[in-house]
């Protein structure tokens, strides 16, 4: 009898997503849901999705989901954790949401060592709301609010979220991964699994940053967007583990 070499994960509902061609949101969705399926936790997980490109994630992810106000997912997740201490709780947030509108909620959830996992999509721009500059937009990068390119004088330097949050004792596992190649996607899946393991053991707050693409708002083709990620984003946002339960920073 022939054995299947590929099966569609039960963690993703069989519907078409609303993401643009070349967007890597779909990849990160699948990685998270594959890990939860392999952990047999699809029925015991609650996700928190705020406003942003992933605002419709509850239609794609086959877990219980809570829709949150823009930037407020960590606050909602903290409340859910207190009511459901036996479940896995995660937030799924973009850079405008996490690093700008919801910075206070995110930072204080990490500082408290909340037993939740945050998945942070860093595509260096506001996606759904019109391509404005985000805290992670690179110097010289154009956006609808920096039409000649971001400058330090205008907006300061781009925020490195992993480096920032890893200084907090409550954040016990922080890793930055990328969705730009099969090898890095495999590494990203391992990071997702480790983050959920940290949460299951109730060690503290865990966060995975996905360095991602946004071809539409970058004004590039999908292939050009991968080149931009490799050549511009990764030198400024280096991959790696910034804090772990075993070795601290």
C-alpha atoms as a PDB file:
ATOM      1  CA  UNK A   1       0.000   0.000   0.000  1.00  0.00           C
ATOM      2  CA  UNK A   2       1.337   3.426  -0.975  1.00  0.00           C
ATOM      3  CA  UNK A   3       2.147   5.736   1.932  1.00  0.00           C
ATOM      4  CA  UNK A   4       1.488   9.469   1.576  1.00  0.00           C
ATOM      5  CA  UNK A   5       4.587  11.663   1.464  1.00  0.00           C
ATOM      6  CA  UNK A   6       2.644  14.821   2.290  1.00  0.00           C
ATOM      7  CA  UNK A   7      -0.537  15.540   4.189  1.00  0.00           C
ATOM      8  CA  UNK A   8      -2.299  18.836   4.838  1.00  0.00           C
ATOM      9  CA  UNK A   9      -2.036  19.708   8.511  1.00  0.00           C
ATOM     10  CA  UNK A  10      -5.268  19.491  10.490  1.00  0.00           C
ATOM     11  CA  UNK A  11      -4.205  22.709  12.170  1.00  0.00           C
ATOM     12  CA  UNK A  12      -5.046  24.783   9.098  1.00  0.00           C
ATOM     13  CA  UNK A  13      -8.622  24.961   7.888  1.00  0.00           C
ATOM     14  CA  UNK A  14      -9.094  24.082   4.176  1.00  0.00           C
ATOM     15  CA  UNK A  15      -9.845  27.623   3.024  1.00  0.00           C
ATOM     16  CA  UNK A  16      -8.042  30.170   0.861  1.00  0.00           C
ATOM     17  CA  UNK A  17      -6.213  32.868   2.826  1.00  0.00           C
ATOM     18  CA  UNK A  18      -6.401  36.588   2.075  1.00  0.00           C
ATOM     19  CA  UNK A  19      -2.632  37.113   1.948  1.00  0.00           C
ATOM     20  CA  UNK A  20      -0.860  38.697  -1.009  1.00  0.00           C
ATOM     21  CA  UNK A  21       1.359  36.609  -3.324  1.00  0.00           C
ATOM     22  CA  UNK A  22       4.778  36.172  -1.721  1.00  0.00           C
ATOM     23  CA  UNK A  23       3.579  37.051   1.782  1.00  0.00           C
ATOM     24  CA  UNK A  24       5.065  34.759   4.426  1.00  0.00           C
ATOM     25  CA  UNK A  25       2.174  34.941   6.903  1.00  0.00           C
ATOM     26  CA  UNK A  26       0.853  31.679   5.492  1.00  0.00           C
ATOM     27  CA  UNK A  27       4.153  29.930   6.188  1.00  0.00           C
ATOM     28  CA  UNK A  28       4.269  31.052   9.813  1.00  0.00           C
ATOM     29  CA  UNK A  29       0.612  30.066  10.275  1.00  0.00           C
ATOM     30  CA  UNK A  30       1.336  26.596   9.014  1.00  0.00           C
ATOM     31  CA  UNK A  31       4.442  26.111  11.148  1.00  0.00           C
ATOM     32  CA  UNK A  32       2.572  27.032  14.336  1.00  0.00           C
ATOM     33  CA  UNK A  33      -0.369  24.809  13.502  1.00  0.00           C
ATOM     34  CA  UNK A  34       1.831  21.872  12.437  1.00  0.00           C
ATOM     35  CA  UNK A  35       3.617  22.010  15.788  1.00  0.00           C
ATOM     36  CA  UNK A  36       0.343  22.124  17.719  1.00  0.00           C
ATOM     37  CA  UNK A  37      -0.979  19.162  15.721  1.00  0.00           C
ATOM     38  CA  UNK A  38       2.197  17.178  16.424  1.00  0.00           C
ATOM     39  CA  UNK A  39       1.872  18.053  20.121  1.00  0.00           C
ATOM     40  CA  UNK A  40      -1.780  16.918  20.021  1.00  0.00           C
ATOM     41  CA  UNK A  41      -2.734  20.342  21.394  1.00  0.00           C
ATOM     42  CA  UNK A  42      -5.063  21.715  18.712  1.00  0.00           C
ATOM     43  CA  UNK A  43      -8.033  21.225  21.035  1.00  0.00           C
ATOM     44  CA  UNK A  44      -6.233  22.682  24.017  1.00  0.00           C
ATOM     45  CA  UNK A  45      -4.851  25.952  22.602  1.00  0.00           C
ATOM     46  CA  UNK A  46      -6.166  29.510  22.479  1.00  0.00           C
ATOM     47  CA  UNK A  47      -4.697  32.056  20.088  1.00  0.00           C
ATOM     48  CA  UNK A  48      -5.001  35.849  20.327  1.00  0.00           C
ATOM     49  CA  UNK A  49      -4.965  37.752  17.056  1.00  0.00           C
ATOM     50  CA  UNK A  50      -5.133  41.568  16.955  1.00  0.00           C
ATOM     51  CA  UNK A  51      -5.714  43.964  14.082  1.00  0.00           C
ATOM     52  CA  UNK A  52      -3.312  43.676  11.161  1.00  0.00           C
ATOM     53  CA  UNK A  53      -2.776  41.502   8.108  1.00  0.00           C
ATOM     54  CA  UNK A  54      -3.520  38.473  10.303  1.00  0.00           C
ATOM     55  CA  UNK A  55      -6.852  39.863  11.474  1.00  0.00           C
ATOM     56  CA  UNK A  56      -8.613  36.937   9.765  1.00  0.00           C
ATOM     57  CA  UNK A  57      -6.305  34.272  11.240  1.00  0.00           C
ATOM     58  CA  UNK A  58      -9.242  32.815  13.162  1.00  0.00           C
ATOM     59  CA  UNK A  59     -10.655  31.731   9.805  1.00  0.00           C
ATOM     60  CA  UNK A  60      -7.467  29.836   8.937  1.00  0.00           C
ATOM     61  CA  UNK A  61      -6.154  28.390  12.219  1.00  0.00           C
ATOM     62  CA  UNK A  62      -8.019  25.379  13.552  1.00  0.00           C
ATOM     63  CA  UNK A  63      -7.811  26.382  17.227  1.00  0.00           C
ATOM     64  CA  UNK A  64      -9.917  28.579  19.494  1.00  0.00           C
ATOM     65  CA  UNK A  65      -9.108  32.213  18.725  1.00  0.00           C
ATOM     66  CA  UNK A  66      -9.797  35.537  20.404  1.00  0.00           C
ATOM     67  CA  UNK A  67      -9.982  38.709  18.318  1.00  0.00           C
ATOM     68  CA  UNK A  68      -8.209  41.554  20.140  1.00  0.00           C
ATOM     69  CA  UNK A  69      -8.014  45.310  19.776  1.00  0.00           C
ATOM     70  CA  UNK A  70      -4.948  46.621  17.974  1.00  0.00           C
ATOM     71  CA  UNK A  71      -1.881  45.985  20.133  1.00  0.00           C
ATOM     72  CA  UNK A  72      -3.773  44.456  23.049  1.00  0.00           C
ATOM     73  CA  UNK A  73      -3.255  40.742  22.417  1.00  0.00           C
ATOM     74  CA  UNK A  74      -0.718  40.250  25.274  1.00  0.00           C
ATOM     75  CA  UNK A  75      -3.136  41.806  27.772  1.00  0.00           C
ATOM     76  CA  UNK A  76      -5.965  39.554  26.570  1.00  0.00           C
ATOM     77  CA  UNK A  77      -3.663  36.517  26.580  1.00  0.00           C
ATOM     78  CA  UNK A  78      -2.608  37.311  30.167  1.00  0.00           C
ATOM     79  CA  UNK A  79      -6.247  37.278  31.243  1.00  0.00           C
ATOM     80  CA  UNK A  80      -6.976  34.045  29.391  1.00  0.00           C
ATOM     81  CA  UNK A  81      -3.931  32.441  31.040  1.00  0.00           C
ATOM     82  CA  UNK A  82      -5.365  33.147  34.465  1.00  0.00           C
ATOM     83  CA  UNK A  83      -8.709  31.572  33.571  1.00  0.00           C
ATOM     84  CA  UNK A  84      -7.249  28.603  31.647  1.00  0.00           C
ATOM     85  CA  UNK A  85      -3.940  27.615  33.303  1.00  0.00           C
ATOM     86  CA  UNK A  86      -3.993  24.211  31.583  1.00  0.00           C
ATOM     87  CA  UNK A  87      -4.064  25.493  27.990  1.00  0.00           C
ATOM     88  CA  UNK A  88      -1.416  26.752  25.574  1.00  0.00           C
ATOM     89  CA  UNK A  89      -1.892  30.471  24.919  1.00  0.00           C
ATOM     90  CA  UNK A  90      -0.253  32.393  22.079  1.00  0.00           C
ATOM     91  CA  UNK A  91      -0.390  35.839  20.504  1.00  0.00           C
ATOM     92  CA  UNK A  92       0.288  36.436  16.808  1.00  0.00           C
ATOM     93  CA  UNK A  93       1.360  40.029  16.156  1.00  0.00           C
ATOM     94  CA  UNK A  94       2.896  42.212  13.473  1.00  0.00           C
ATOM     95  CA  UNK A  95       5.588  44.828  13.991  1.00  0.00           C
ATOM     96  CA  UNK A  96       3.284  47.840  13.952  1.00  0.00           C
ATOM     97  CA  UNK A  97       0.999  46.082  16.410  1.00  0.00           C
ATOM     98  CA  UNK A  98       3.616  44.718  18.817  1.00  0.00           C
ATOM     99  CA  UNK A  99       6.421  47.259  18.579  1.00  0.00           C
ATOM    100  CA  UNK A 100       4.341  50.431  18.320  1.00  0.00           C
ATOM    101  CA  UNK A 101       0.645  50.366  19.184  1.00  0.00           C
ATOM    102  CA  UNK A 102       0.954  47.581  21.749  1.00  0.00           C
ATOM    103  CA  UNK A 103       4.471  48.074  23.097  1.00  0.00           C
ATOM    104  CA  UNK A 104       3.344  48.526  26.707  1.00  0.00           C
ATOM    105  CA  UNK A 105       1.209  45.376  26.718  1.00  0.00           C
ATOM    106  CA  UNK A 106       3.970  43.292  25.132  1.00  0.00           C
ATOM    107  CA  UNK A 107       6.842  44.575  27.282  1.00  0.00           C
ATOM    108  CA  UNK A 108       4.965  44.221  30.560  1.00  0.00           C
ATOM    109  CA  UNK A 109       3.685  40.729  29.713  1.00  0.00           C
ATOM    110  CA  UNK A 110       7.303  39.728  29.131  1.00  0.00           C
ATOM    111  CA  UNK A 111       8.492  41.496  32.285  1.00  0.00           C
ATOM    112  CA  UNK A 112       5.859  39.658  34.325  1.00  0.00           C
ATOM    113  CA  UNK A 113       7.050  36.365  32.885  1.00  0.00           C
ATOM    114  CA  UNK A 114       3.567  35.499  31.646  1.00  0.00           C
ATOM    115  CA  UNK A 115       3.295  31.854  30.628  1.00  0.00           C
ATOM    116  CA  UNK A 116       2.320  32.735  27.069  1.00  0.00           C
ATOM    117  CA  UNK A 117       4.086  32.583  23.701  1.00  0.00           C
ATOM    118  CA  UNK A 118       4.256  35.527  21.321  1.00  0.00           C
ATOM    119  CA  UNK A 119       4.818  35.055  17.597  1.00  0.00           C
ATOM    120  CA  UNK A 120       6.103  38.326  16.167  1.00  0.00           C
ATOM    121  CA  UNK A 121       5.982  38.943  12.413  1.00  0.00           C
ATOM    122  CA  UNK A 122       8.651  41.481  11.461  1.00  0.00           C
ATOM    123  CA  UNK A 123       8.185  42.603   7.875  1.00  0.00           C
ATOM    124  CA  UNK A 124       9.519  46.113   8.535  1.00  0.00           C
ATOM    125  CA  UNK A 125       6.293  47.923   7.642  1.00  0.00           C
ATOM    126  CA  UNK A 126       2.628  48.369   8.492  1.00  0.00           C
ATOM    127  CA  UNK A 127       0.850  45.958   6.152  1.00  0.00           C
ATOM    128  CA  UNK A 128      -2.935  46.056   6.357  1.00  0.00           C
ATOM    129  CA  UNK A 129      -3.284  49.751   7.186  1.00  0.00           C
ATOM    130  CA  UNK A 130      -1.477  51.137   4.155  1.00  0.00           C
ATOM    131  CA  UNK A 131       2.279  50.603   4.197  1.00  0.00           C
ATOM    132  CA  UNK A 132       3.263  53.209   6.772  1.00  0.00           C
ATOM    133  CA  UNK A 133       6.634  53.244   8.510  1.00  0.00           C
ATOM    134  CA  UNK A 134       6.816  50.795  11.424  1.00  0.00           C
ATOM    135  CA  UNK A 135       9.288  50.849  14.330  1.00  0.00           C
ATOM    136  CA  UNK A 136      11.207  48.133  12.438  1.00  0.00           C
ATOM    137  CA  UNK A 137      11.373  49.967   9.083  1.00  0.00           C
ATOM    138  CA  UNK A 138      15.012  50.171   7.994  1.00  0.00           C
ATOM    139  CA  UNK A 139      17.000  53.363   7.519  1.00  0.00           C
ATOM    140  CA  UNK A 140      16.517  54.479   3.917  1.00  0.00           C
ATOM    141  CA  UNK A 141      13.489  52.232   3.429  1.00  0.00           C
ATOM    142  CA  UNK A 142      10.551  53.947   1.742  1.00  0.00           C
ATOM    143  CA  UNK A 143       7.004  53.769   3.036  1.00  0.00           C
ATOM    144  CA  UNK A 144       3.832  55.803   2.608  1.00  0.00           C
ATOM    145  CA  UNK A 145       4.922  57.981   5.551  1.00  0.00           C
ATOM    146  CA  UNK A 146       8.642  58.077   4.629  1.00  0.00           C
ATOM    147  CA  UNK A 147       8.438  58.548   0.893  1.00  0.00           C
ATOM    148  CA  UNK A 148      12.097  59.480   0.519  1.00  0.00           C
ATOM    149  CA  UNK A 149      13.273  56.859   3.016  1.00  0.00           C
ATOM    150  CA  UNK A 150      13.424  56.643   6.801  1.00  0.00           C
ATOM    151  CA  UNK A 151      16.109  58.683   8.515  1.00  0.00           C
ATOM    152  CA  UNK A 152      17.514  58.595  12.046  1.00  0.00           C
ATOM    153  CA  UNK A 153      16.872  62.330  12.416  1.00  0.00           C
ATOM    154  CA  UNK A 154      13.208  61.873  11.575  1.00  0.00           C
ATOM    155  CA  UNK A 155      12.313  58.680  13.433  1.00  0.00           C
ATOM    156  CA  UNK A 156      15.323  57.285  15.257  1.00  0.00           C
ATOM    157  CA  UNK A 157      16.893  53.906  14.575  1.00  0.00           C
ATOM    158  CA  UNK A 158      14.809  50.789  13.832  1.00  0.00           C
ATOM    159  CA  UNK A 159      13.828  48.825  16.918  1.00  0.00           C
ATOM    160  CA  UNK A 160      15.430  45.408  17.478  1.00  0.00           C
ATOM    161  CA  UNK A 161      12.715  43.674  19.472  1.00  0.00           C
ATOM    162  CA  UNK A 162      14.554  40.451  20.368  1.00  0.00           C
ATOM    163  CA  UNK A 163      17.522  42.367  21.723  1.00  0.00           C
ATOM    164  CA  UNK A 164      15.186  44.611  23.722  1.00  0.00           C
ATOM    165  CA  UNK A 165      12.971  41.957  25.306  1.00  0.00           C
ATOM    166  CA  UNK A 166      15.854  39.603  26.074  1.00  0.00           C
ATOM    167  CA  UNK A 167      17.038  42.037  28.759  1.00  0.00           C
ATOM    168  CA  UNK A 168      13.944  41.209  30.843  1.00  0.00           C
ATOM    169  CA  UNK A 169      14.247  38.376  33.345  1.00  0.00           C
ATOM    170  CA  UNK A 170      10.682  37.221  32.701  1.00  0.00           C
ATOM    171  CA  UNK A 171      11.457  36.547  29.023  1.00  0.00           C
ATOM    172  CA  UNK A 172      13.119  33.147  29.288  1.00  0.00           C
ATOM    173  CA  UNK A 173      13.211  32.132  25.619  1.00  0.00           C
ATOM    174  CA  UNK A 174      13.681  34.627  22.764  1.00  0.00           C
ATOM    175  CA  UNK A 175      14.729  33.635  19.239  1.00  0.00           C
ATOM    176  CA  UNK A 176      14.763  35.326  15.836  1.00  0.00           C
ATOM    177  CA  UNK A 177      14.178  33.142  12.772  1.00  0.00           C
ATOM    178  CA  UNK A 178      13.550  33.844   9.082  1.00  0.00           C
ATOM    179  CA  UNK A 179      11.093  32.579   6.494  1.00  0.00           C
ATOM    180  CA  UNK A 180      13.379  32.984   3.485  1.00  0.00           C
ATOM    181  CA  UNK A 181      14.550  29.443   2.664  1.00  0.00           C
ATOM    182  CA  UNK A 182      13.618  25.799   3.310  1.00  0.00           C
ATOM    183  CA  UNK A 183      16.518  25.440   5.762  1.00  0.00           C
ATOM    184  CA  UNK A 184      15.503  28.506   7.769  1.00  0.00           C
ATOM    185  CA  UNK A 185      11.837  27.515   7.691  1.00  0.00           C
ATOM    186  CA  UNK A 186      12.790  24.151   9.228  1.00  0.00           C
ATOM    187  CA  UNK A 187      14.761  25.984  11.926  1.00  0.00           C
ATOM    188  CA  UNK A 188      11.759  28.242  12.515  1.00  0.00           C
ATOM    189  CA  UNK A 189       9.535  25.235  13.146  1.00  0.00           C
ATOM    190  CA  UNK A 190      11.975  23.912  15.748  1.00  0.00           C
ATOM    191  CA  UNK A 191      11.916  27.316  17.451  1.00  0.00           C
ATOM    192  CA  UNK A 192       8.109  27.272  17.551  1.00  0.00           C
ATOM    193  CA  UNK A 193       8.173  23.847  19.202  1.00  0.00           C
ATOM    194  CA  UNK A 194      10.740  24.979  21.751  1.00  0.00           C
ATOM    195  CA  UNK A 195       8.703  28.080  22.602  1.00  0.00           C
ATOM    196  CA  UNK A 196       5.623  25.981  23.310  1.00  0.00           C
ATOM    197  CA  UNK A 197       7.731  23.541  25.364  1.00  0.00           C
ATOM    198  CA  UNK A 198       8.922  26.462  27.517  1.00  0.00           C
ATOM    199  CA  UNK A 199       5.320  27.479  28.047  1.00  0.00           C
ATOM    200  CA  UNK A 200       4.191  23.953  28.910  1.00  0.00           C
ATOM    201  CA  UNK A 201       6.895  23.816  31.585  1.00  0.00           C
ATOM    202  CA  UNK A 202       5.708  27.209  32.898  1.00  0.00           C
ATOM    203  CA  UNK A 203       9.214  28.655  32.793  1.00  0.00           C
ATOM    204  CA  UNK A 204       8.123  32.132  31.733  1.00  0.00           C
ATOM    205  CA  UNK A 205       7.463  34.259  28.658  1.00  0.00           C
ATOM    206  CA  UNK A 206       8.619  33.031  25.233  1.00  0.00           C
ATOM    207  CA  UNK A 207       8.808  34.872  21.923  1.00  0.00           C
ATOM    208  CA  UNK A 208       9.698  33.932  18.355  1.00  0.00           C
ATOM    209  CA  UNK A 209      10.390  36.711  15.854  1.00  0.00           C
ATOM    210  CA  UNK A 210       9.833  35.761  12.207  1.00  0.00           C
ATOM    211  CA  UNK A 211      11.768  37.983   9.780  1.00  0.00           C
ATOM    212  CA  UNK A 212       9.237  38.137   6.970  1.00  0.00           C
ATOM    213  CA  UNK A 213       8.424  39.708   3.613  1.00  0.00           C
ATOM    214  CA  UNK A 214       5.758  42.154   2.459  1.00  0.00           C
ATOM    215  CA  UNK A 215       6.129  42.361  -1.334  1.00  0.00           C
ATOM    216  CA  UNK A 216       3.022  44.516  -1.826  1.00  0.00           C
ATOM    217  CA  UNK A 217       3.947  47.317   0.549  1.00  0.00           C
ATOM    218  CA  UNK A 218       7.643  47.075  -0.300  1.00  0.00           C
ATOM    219  CA  UNK A 219       6.734  47.551  -3.966  1.00  0.00           C
ATOM    220  CA  UNK A 220       8.675  44.437  -4.976  1.00  0.00           C
ATOM    221  CA  UNK A 221       7.968  41.104  -6.617  1.00  0.00           C
ATOM    222  CA  UNK A 222       7.949  38.049  -4.323  1.00  0.00           C
ATOM    223  CA  UNK A 223      11.455  37.044  -5.478  1.00  0.00           C
ATOM    224  CA  UNK A 224      12.779  40.598  -5.108  1.00  0.00           C
ATOM    225  CA  UNK A 225      11.281  40.676  -1.603  1.00  0.00           C
ATOM    226  CA  UNK A 226      13.296  37.591  -0.605  1.00  0.00           C
ATOM    227  CA  UNK A 227      16.423  39.341  -1.898  1.00  0.00           C
ATOM    228  CA  UNK A 228      15.565  42.421   0.167  1.00  0.00           C
ATOM    229  CA  UNK A 229      15.109  40.274   3.257  1.00  0.00           C
ATOM    230  CA  UNK A 230      18.468  38.544   2.703  1.00  0.00           C
ATOM    231  CA  UNK A 231      20.471  41.626   1.755  1.00  0.00           C
ATOM    232  CA  UNK A 232      18.913  44.369   3.904  1.00  0.00           C
ATOM    233  CA  UNK A 233      16.943  42.896   6.795  1.00  0.00           C
ATOM    234  CA  UNK A 234      19.146  40.053   8.013  1.00  0.00           C
ATOM    235  CA  UNK A 235      22.295  42.188   8.449  1.00  0.00           C
ATOM    236  CA  UNK A 236      20.307  44.463  10.780  1.00  0.00           C
ATOM    237  CA  UNK A 237      18.165  41.720  12.328  1.00  0.00           C
ATOM    238  CA  UNK A 238      20.602  38.816  12.837  1.00  0.00           C
ATOM    239  CA  UNK A 239      19.122  35.378  13.446  1.00  0.00           C
ATOM    240  CA  UNK A 240      19.730  33.404  16.596  1.00  0.00           C
ATOM    241  CA  UNK A 241      18.747  32.670  20.190  1.00  0.00           C
ATOM    242  CA  UNK A 242      18.906  35.780  22.340  1.00  0.00           C
ATOM    243  CA  UNK A 243      17.801  34.204  25.599  1.00  0.00           C
ATOM    244  CA  UNK A 244      17.182  30.598  26.627  1.00  0.00           C
ATOM    245  CA  UNK A 245      16.317  28.788  29.862  1.00  0.00           C
ATOM    246  CA  UNK A 246      19.659  26.980  29.738  1.00  0.00           C
ATOM    247  CA  UNK A 247      22.038  29.829  29.236  1.00  0.00           C
ATOM    248  CA  UNK A 248      20.361  33.173  29.824  1.00  0.00           C
ATOM    249  CA  UNK A 249      21.388  35.745  27.212  1.00  0.00           C
END
